[in-house]
C-alpha atoms as a PDB file:
ATOM      1  CA  UNK A   1      14.379   7.756  25.138  1.00  0.00           C
ATOM      2  CA  UNK A   2      13.100   7.148  21.604  1.00  0.00           C
ATOM      3  CA  UNK A   3      15.831   6.672  19.015  1.00  0.00           C
ATOM      4  CA  UNK A   4      15.283   9.011  16.069  1.00  0.00           C
ATOM      5  CA  UNK A   5      17.181   6.688  13.742  1.00  0.00           C
ATOM      6  CA  UNK A   6      14.983   3.653  14.416  1.00  0.00           C
ATOM      7  CA  UNK A   7      13.113   4.019  11.130  1.00  0.00           C
ATOM      8  CA  UNK A   8      16.021   5.367   9.073  1.00  0.00           C
ATOM      9  CA  UNK A   9      16.047   2.296   6.816  1.00  0.00           C
ATOM     10  CA  UNK A  10      12.367   2.667   5.842  1.00  0.00           C
ATOM     11  CA  UNK A  11      13.004   4.889   2.790  1.00  0.00           C
ATOM     12  CA  UNK A  12      15.450   2.364   1.318  1.00  0.00           C
ATOM     13  CA  UNK A  13      13.117  -0.570   1.970  1.00  0.00           C
ATOM     14  CA  UNK A  14      10.186   1.411   0.559  1.00  0.00           C
ATOM     15  CA  UNK A  15      12.103   2.185  -2.624  1.00  0.00           C
ATOM     16  CA  UNK A  16      13.110  -1.475  -2.965  1.00  0.00           C
ATOM     17  CA  UNK A  17       9.548  -2.749  -2.452  1.00  0.00           C
ATOM     18  CA  UNK A  18       7.983  -0.212  -4.824  1.00  0.00           C
ATOM     19  CA  UNK A  19      10.690  -1.042  -7.373  1.00  0.00           C
ATOM     20  CA  UNK A  20       9.942  -4.748  -7.029  1.00  0.00           C
ATOM     21  CA  UNK A  21       6.196  -4.150  -7.429  1.00  0.00           C
ATOM     22  CA  UNK A  22       6.557  -2.043 -10.565  1.00  0.00           C
ATOM     23  CA  UNK A  23       9.218  -4.404 -11.968  1.00  0.00           C
ATOM     24  CA  UNK A  24       6.930  -7.428 -11.549  1.00  0.00           C
ATOM     25  CA  UNK A  25       4.117  -5.579 -13.293  1.00  0.00           C
ATOM     26  CA  UNK A  26       6.244  -4.435 -16.230  1.00  0.00           C
ATOM     27  CA  UNK A  27       7.892  -7.860 -16.521  1.00  0.00           C
ATOM     28  CA  UNK A  28       4.532  -9.485 -17.321  1.00  0.00           C
ATOM     29  CA  UNK A  29       3.851  -6.991 -20.113  1.00  0.00           C
ATOM     30  CA  UNK A  30       7.432  -7.222 -21.368  1.00  0.00           C
ATOM     31  CA  UNK A  31       7.136 -11.005 -21.674  1.00  0.00           C
ATOM     32  CA  UNK A  32       3.959 -10.616 -23.707  1.00  0.00           C
ATOM     33  CA  UNK A  33       5.756  -8.180 -26.014  1.00  0.00           C
ATOM     34  CA  UNK A  34       8.818 -10.446 -26.325  1.00  0.00           C
ATOM     35  CA  UNK A  35       6.613 -13.440 -27.143  1.00  0.00           C
ATOM     36  CA  UNK A  36       4.566 -11.503 -29.702  1.00  0.00           C
ATOM     37  CA  UNK A  37       7.662 -10.264 -31.519  1.00  0.00           C
ATOM     38  CA  UNK A  38       9.476 -13.613 -31.402  1.00  0.00           C
ATOM     39  CA  UNK A  39      12.427 -12.255 -29.456  1.00  0.00           C
ATOM     40  CA  UNK A  40      11.721 -14.528 -26.493  1.00  0.00           C
ATOM     41  CA  UNK A  41      12.342 -17.669 -28.579  1.00  0.00           C
ATOM     42  CA  UNK A  42      15.732 -16.305 -29.608  1.00  0.00           C
ATOM     43  CA  UNK A  43      16.582 -15.496 -26.012  1.00  0.00           C
ATOM     44  CA  UNK A  44      15.862 -19.089 -24.986  1.00  0.00           C
ATOM     45  CA  UNK A  45      18.876 -20.184 -27.041  1.00  0.00           C
ATOM     46  CA  UNK A  46      21.162 -18.327 -24.629  1.00  0.00           C
ATOM     47  CA  UNK A  47      19.297 -18.416 -21.301  1.00  0.00           C
ATOM     48  CA  UNK A  48      16.885 -20.665 -19.479  1.00  0.00           C
ATOM     49  CA  UNK A  49      13.312 -19.497 -18.849  1.00  0.00           C
ATOM     50  CA  UNK A  50      14.001 -18.808 -15.181  1.00  0.00           C
ATOM     51  CA  UNK A  51      17.274 -17.087 -16.063  1.00  0.00           C
ATOM     52  CA  UNK A  52      15.491 -14.731 -18.459  1.00  0.00           C
ATOM     53  CA  UNK A  53      12.775 -13.987 -15.913  1.00  0.00           C
ATOM     54  CA  UNK A  54      15.294 -13.320 -13.156  1.00  0.00           C
ATOM     55  CA  UNK A  55      17.548 -11.186 -15.367  1.00  0.00           C
ATOM     56  CA  UNK A  56      14.613  -9.074 -16.583  1.00  0.00           C
ATOM     57  CA  UNK A  57      13.237  -8.702 -13.060  1.00  0.00           C
ATOM     58  CA  UNK A  58      16.612  -7.533 -11.736  1.00  0.00           C
ATOM     59  CA  UNK A  59      17.127  -5.169 -14.674  1.00  0.00           C
ATOM     60  CA  UNK A  60      13.661  -3.639 -14.302  1.00  0.00           C
ATOM     61  CA  UNK A  61      14.091  -3.398 -10.548  1.00  0.00           C
ATOM     62  CA  UNK A  62      17.345  -1.482 -10.994  1.00  0.00           C
ATOM     63  CA  UNK A  63      15.672   0.904 -13.441  1.00  0.00           C
ATOM     64  CA  UNK A  64      12.732   1.554 -11.096  1.00  0.00           C
ATOM     65  CA  UNK A  65      15.114   1.837  -8.127  1.00  0.00           C
ATOM     66  CA  UNK A  66      16.966   4.620  -9.931  1.00  0.00           C
ATOM     67  CA  UNK A  67      13.694   6.404 -10.758  1.00  0.00           C
ATOM     68  CA  UNK A  68      12.347   6.192  -7.202  1.00  0.00           C
ATOM     69  CA  UNK A  69      15.695   7.149  -5.657  1.00  0.00           C
ATOM     70  CA  UNK A  70      15.811  10.217  -7.908  1.00  0.00           C
ATOM     71  CA  UNK A  71      12.220  11.053  -6.956  1.00  0.00           C
ATOM     72  CA  UNK A  72      13.107  10.785  -3.262  1.00  0.00           C
ATOM     73  CA  UNK A  73      16.024  13.147  -3.770  1.00  0.00           C
ATOM     74  CA  UNK A  74      13.758  15.609  -5.581  1.00  0.00           C
ATOM     75  CA  UNK A  75      11.070  15.305  -2.872  1.00  0.00           C
ATOM     76  CA  UNK A  76      13.566  15.964  -0.095  1.00  0.00           C
ATOM     77  CA  UNK A  77      14.956  18.975  -1.944  1.00  0.00           C
ATOM     78  CA  UNK A  78      11.522  20.455  -2.680  1.00  0.00           C
ATOM     79  CA  UNK A  79      10.358  19.856   0.905  1.00  0.00           C
ATOM     80  CA  UNK A  80      13.413  21.512   2.394  1.00  0.00           C
ATOM     81  CA  UNK A  81      13.257  24.370  -0.093  1.00  0.00           C
ATOM     82  CA  UNK A  82       9.612  24.997   0.767  1.00  0.00           C
ATOM     83  CA  UNK A  83      10.516  24.995   4.462  1.00  0.00           C
ATOM     84  CA  UNK A  84      13.326  27.450   3.742  1.00  0.00           C
ATOM     85  CA  UNK A  85      10.899  29.826   2.070  1.00  0.00           C
ATOM     86  CA  UNK A  86       7.896  29.540   4.385  1.00  0.00           C
ATOM     87  CA  UNK A  87       8.869  28.113   7.787  1.00  0.00           C
ATOM     88  CA  UNK A  88       9.670  30.055  10.928  1.00  0.00           C
ATOM     89  CA  UNK A  89      11.742  27.088  12.149  1.00  0.00           C
ATOM     90  CA  UNK A  90      15.445  27.869  11.818  1.00  0.00           C
ATOM     91  CA  UNK A  91      16.776  24.858  13.776  1.00  0.00           C
ATOM     92  CA  UNK A  92      15.416  22.055  11.590  1.00  0.00           C
ATOM     93  CA  UNK A  93      12.911  20.711  14.096  1.00  0.00           C
ATOM     94  CA  UNK A  94      10.363  20.373  11.283  1.00  0.00           C
ATOM     95  CA  UNK A  95      12.617  17.925   9.474  1.00  0.00           C
ATOM     96  CA  UNK A  96      12.811  15.741  12.579  1.00  0.00           C
ATOM     97  CA  UNK A  97       9.022  15.799  12.881  1.00  0.00           C
ATOM     98  CA  UNK A  98       8.571  14.826   9.213  1.00  0.00           C
ATOM     99  CA  UNK A  99      11.017  11.913   9.384  1.00  0.00           C
ATOM    100  CA  UNK A 100       8.291   9.665  10.839  1.00  0.00           C
ATOM    101  CA  UNK A 101       6.444   9.977   7.508  1.00  0.00           C
ATOM    102  CA  UNK A 102       8.684   7.249   6.123  1.00  0.00           C
ATOM    103  CA  UNK A 103       6.253   4.815   7.753  1.00  0.00           C
ATOM    104  CA  UNK A 104       3.571   5.973   5.288  1.00  0.00           C
ATOM    105  CA  UNK A 105       5.711   5.075   2.278  1.00  0.00           C
ATOM    106  CA  UNK A 106       6.810   1.824   3.936  1.00  0.00           C
ATOM    107  CA  UNK A 107       3.171   0.808   4.456  1.00  0.00           C
ATOM    108  CA  UNK A 108       2.312   1.802   0.896  1.00  0.00           C
ATOM    109  CA  UNK A 109       5.204  -0.196  -0.503  1.00  0.00           C
ATOM    110  CA  UNK A 110       4.081  -3.314   1.369  1.00  0.00           C
ATOM    111  CA  UNK A 111       0.555  -2.831   0.000  1.00  0.00           C
ATOM    112  CA  UNK A 112       1.974  -2.339  -3.496  1.00  0.00           C
ATOM    113  CA  UNK A 113       3.305  -5.892  -3.452  1.00  0.00           C
ATOM    114  CA  UNK A 114      -0.244  -7.146  -3.029  1.00  0.00           C
ATOM    115  CA  UNK A 115      -1.476  -5.167  -6.025  1.00  0.00           C
ATOM    116  CA  UNK A 116       1.508  -5.616  -8.299  1.00  0.00           C
ATOM    117  CA  UNK A 117      -0.489  -7.666 -10.796  1.00  0.00           C
ATOM    118  CA  UNK A 118      -2.817  -4.779 -11.708  1.00  0.00           C
ATOM    119  CA  UNK A 119      -1.774  -1.389 -13.066  1.00  0.00           C
ATOM    120  CA  UNK A 120      -4.728   0.440 -11.554  1.00  0.00           C
ATOM    121  CA  UNK A 121      -4.241  -0.991  -8.069  1.00  0.00           C
ATOM    122  CA  UNK A 122      -0.504  -0.293  -8.111  1.00  0.00           C
ATOM    123  CA  UNK A 123      -0.993   3.258  -9.393  1.00  0.00           C
ATOM    124  CA  UNK A 124      -3.776   3.840  -6.855  1.00  0.00           C
ATOM    125  CA  UNK A 125      -1.604   2.648  -3.958  1.00  0.00           C
ATOM    126  CA  UNK A 126       1.307   4.839  -5.076  1.00  0.00           C
ATOM    127  CA  UNK A 127      -0.865   7.948  -5.540  1.00  0.00           C
ATOM    128  CA  UNK A 128      -2.728   7.461  -2.239  1.00  0.00           C
ATOM    129  CA  UNK A 129       0.574   6.910  -0.436  1.00  0.00           C
ATOM    130  CA  UNK A 130       2.045  10.057  -1.940  1.00  0.00           C
ATOM    131  CA  UNK A 131      -1.022  12.171  -1.110  1.00  0.00           C
ATOM    132  CA  UNK A 132      -1.080  10.755   2.426  1.00  0.00           C
ATOM    133  CA  UNK A 133       2.562  11.688   2.891  1.00  0.00           C
ATOM    134  CA  UNK A 134       1.893  15.195   1.584  1.00  0.00           C
ATOM    135  CA  UNK A 135      -0.994  15.669   4.032  1.00  0.00           C
ATOM    136  CA  UNK A 136       1.210  14.312   6.836  1.00  0.00           C
ATOM    137  CA  UNK A 137       4.026  16.674   5.813  1.00  0.00           C
ATOM    138  CA  UNK A 138       1.767  19.738   5.813  1.00  0.00           C
ATOM    139  CA  UNK A 139       0.186  18.704   9.123  1.00  0.00           C
ATOM    140  CA  UNK A 140       3.544  18.179  10.858  1.00  0.00           C
ATOM    141  CA  UNK A 141       5.116  21.434   9.678  1.00  0.00           C
ATOM    142  CA  UNK A 142       1.963  23.542  10.088  1.00  0.00           C
ATOM    143  CA  UNK A 143       2.763  24.277  13.737  1.00  0.00           C
ATOM    144  CA  UNK A 144       5.844  26.180  12.600  1.00  0.00           C
ATOM    145  CA  UNK A 145       4.061  28.062   9.805  1.00  0.00           C
ATOM    146  CA  UNK A 146       1.695  30.999   9.676  1.00  0.00           C
ATOM    147  CA  UNK A 147      -1.535  30.703   7.661  1.00  0.00           C
ATOM    148  CA  UNK A 148       0.095  32.469   4.732  1.00  0.00           C
ATOM    149  CA  UNK A 149       3.096  30.145   5.141  1.00  0.00           C
ATOM    150  CA  UNK A 150       0.873  27.054   4.920  1.00  0.00           C
ATOM    151  CA  UNK A 151      -0.826  28.406   1.814  1.00  0.00           C
ATOM    152  CA  UNK A 152       2.539  29.337   0.308  1.00  0.00           C
ATOM    153  CA  UNK A 153       4.018  25.910   1.108  1.00  0.00           C
ATOM    154  CA  UNK A 154       1.083  24.060  -0.458  1.00  0.00           C
ATOM    155  CA  UNK A 155       1.078  26.351  -3.495  1.00  0.00           C
ATOM    156  CA  UNK A 156       4.860  25.982  -3.892  1.00  0.00           C
ATOM    157  CA  UNK A 157       4.651  22.180  -3.715  1.00  0.00           C
ATOM    158  CA  UNK A 158       1.736  21.927  -6.153  1.00  0.00           C
ATOM    159  CA  UNK A 159       3.275  24.407  -8.585  1.00  0.00           C
ATOM    160  CA  UNK A 160       6.704  22.747  -8.490  1.00  0.00           C
ATOM    161  CA  UNK A 161       5.370  19.226  -8.996  1.00  0.00           C
ATOM    162  CA  UNK A 162       2.907  20.318 -11.676  1.00  0.00           C
ATOM    163  CA  UNK A 163       5.681  22.053 -13.579  1.00  0.00           C
ATOM    164  CA  UNK A 164       7.980  19.050 -13.245  1.00  0.00           C
ATOM    165  CA  UNK A 165       5.364  16.493 -14.343  1.00  0.00           C
ATOM    166  CA  UNK A 166       4.010  18.597 -17.199  1.00  0.00           C
ATOM    167  CA  UNK A 167       7.559  19.314 -18.381  1.00  0.00           C
ATOM    168  CA  UNK A 168       8.410  15.607 -18.509  1.00  0.00           C
ATOM    169  CA  UNK A 169       5.134  14.797 -20.295  1.00  0.00           C
ATOM    170  CA  UNK A 170       5.733  17.596 -22.804  1.00  0.00           C
ATOM    171  CA  UNK A 171       9.266  16.405 -23.562  1.00  0.00           C
ATOM    172  CA  UNK A 172       8.088  12.795 -23.882  1.00  0.00           C
ATOM    173  CA  UNK A 173       5.369  13.842 -26.339  1.00  0.00           C
ATOM    174  CA  UNK A 174       7.857  15.909 -28.367  1.00  0.00           C
ATOM    175  CA  UNK A 175      10.237  12.947 -28.615  1.00  0.00           C
ATOM    176  CA  UNK A 176       7.374  10.598 -29.505  1.00  0.00           C
ATOM    177  CA  UNK A 177       6.090  12.956 -32.198  1.00  0.00           C
ATOM    178  CA  UNK A 178       9.548  13.386 -33.681  1.00  0.00           C
ATOM    179  CA  UNK A 179      10.040   9.607 -33.821  1.00  0.00           C
ATOM    180  CA  UNK A 180       6.640   9.067 -35.431  1.00  0.00           C
ATOM    181  CA  UNK A 181       7.269  11.872 -37.928  1.00  0.00           C
ATOM    182  CA  UNK A 182      10.610  10.375 -38.936  1.00  0.00           C
ATOM    183  CA  UNK A 183       9.150   6.924 -39.703  1.00  0.00           C
ATOM    184  CA  UNK A 184       8.799   6.132 -43.387  1.00  0.00           C
ATOM    185  CA  UNK A 185       5.083   5.506 -43.794  1.00  0.00           C
END
């Protein structure tokens, strides 16, 4: 008999690998910024070069880990909420079927390590992985949905994520504009 918990560690490993990939990418740009501003020279008085690199990598990895862990929590909530609204499955069989999708994110996170030196490659891998998981999710739960349920589920997911992303972008732009407006120029 196949053990359903065999791949239960994949989400954690995926989050760790994606966090490492994004942290390595941001670390390169952060070092350029620290060198350009002269902060890096001051940091060398307190830490060694490898100590600074390791400390920044760990700090950035923790930050990205928190972001991706929060995103996973939001994804799970939105997926289960959409199943609550549109699925005819009352026993949770759909959730068991979808659990195998962790392999998609695991594969994407391994690929992200290969492209961690380029923003476009890393972003492409993350977006393709996410879209692949969404297609997998809809495919797996479609057997327990009517046609209107599939359309409703897709619409609910797209609307929820669009609202969330646009809301964050709007707030970020408002904060940026208020900071720029407050600068004495």
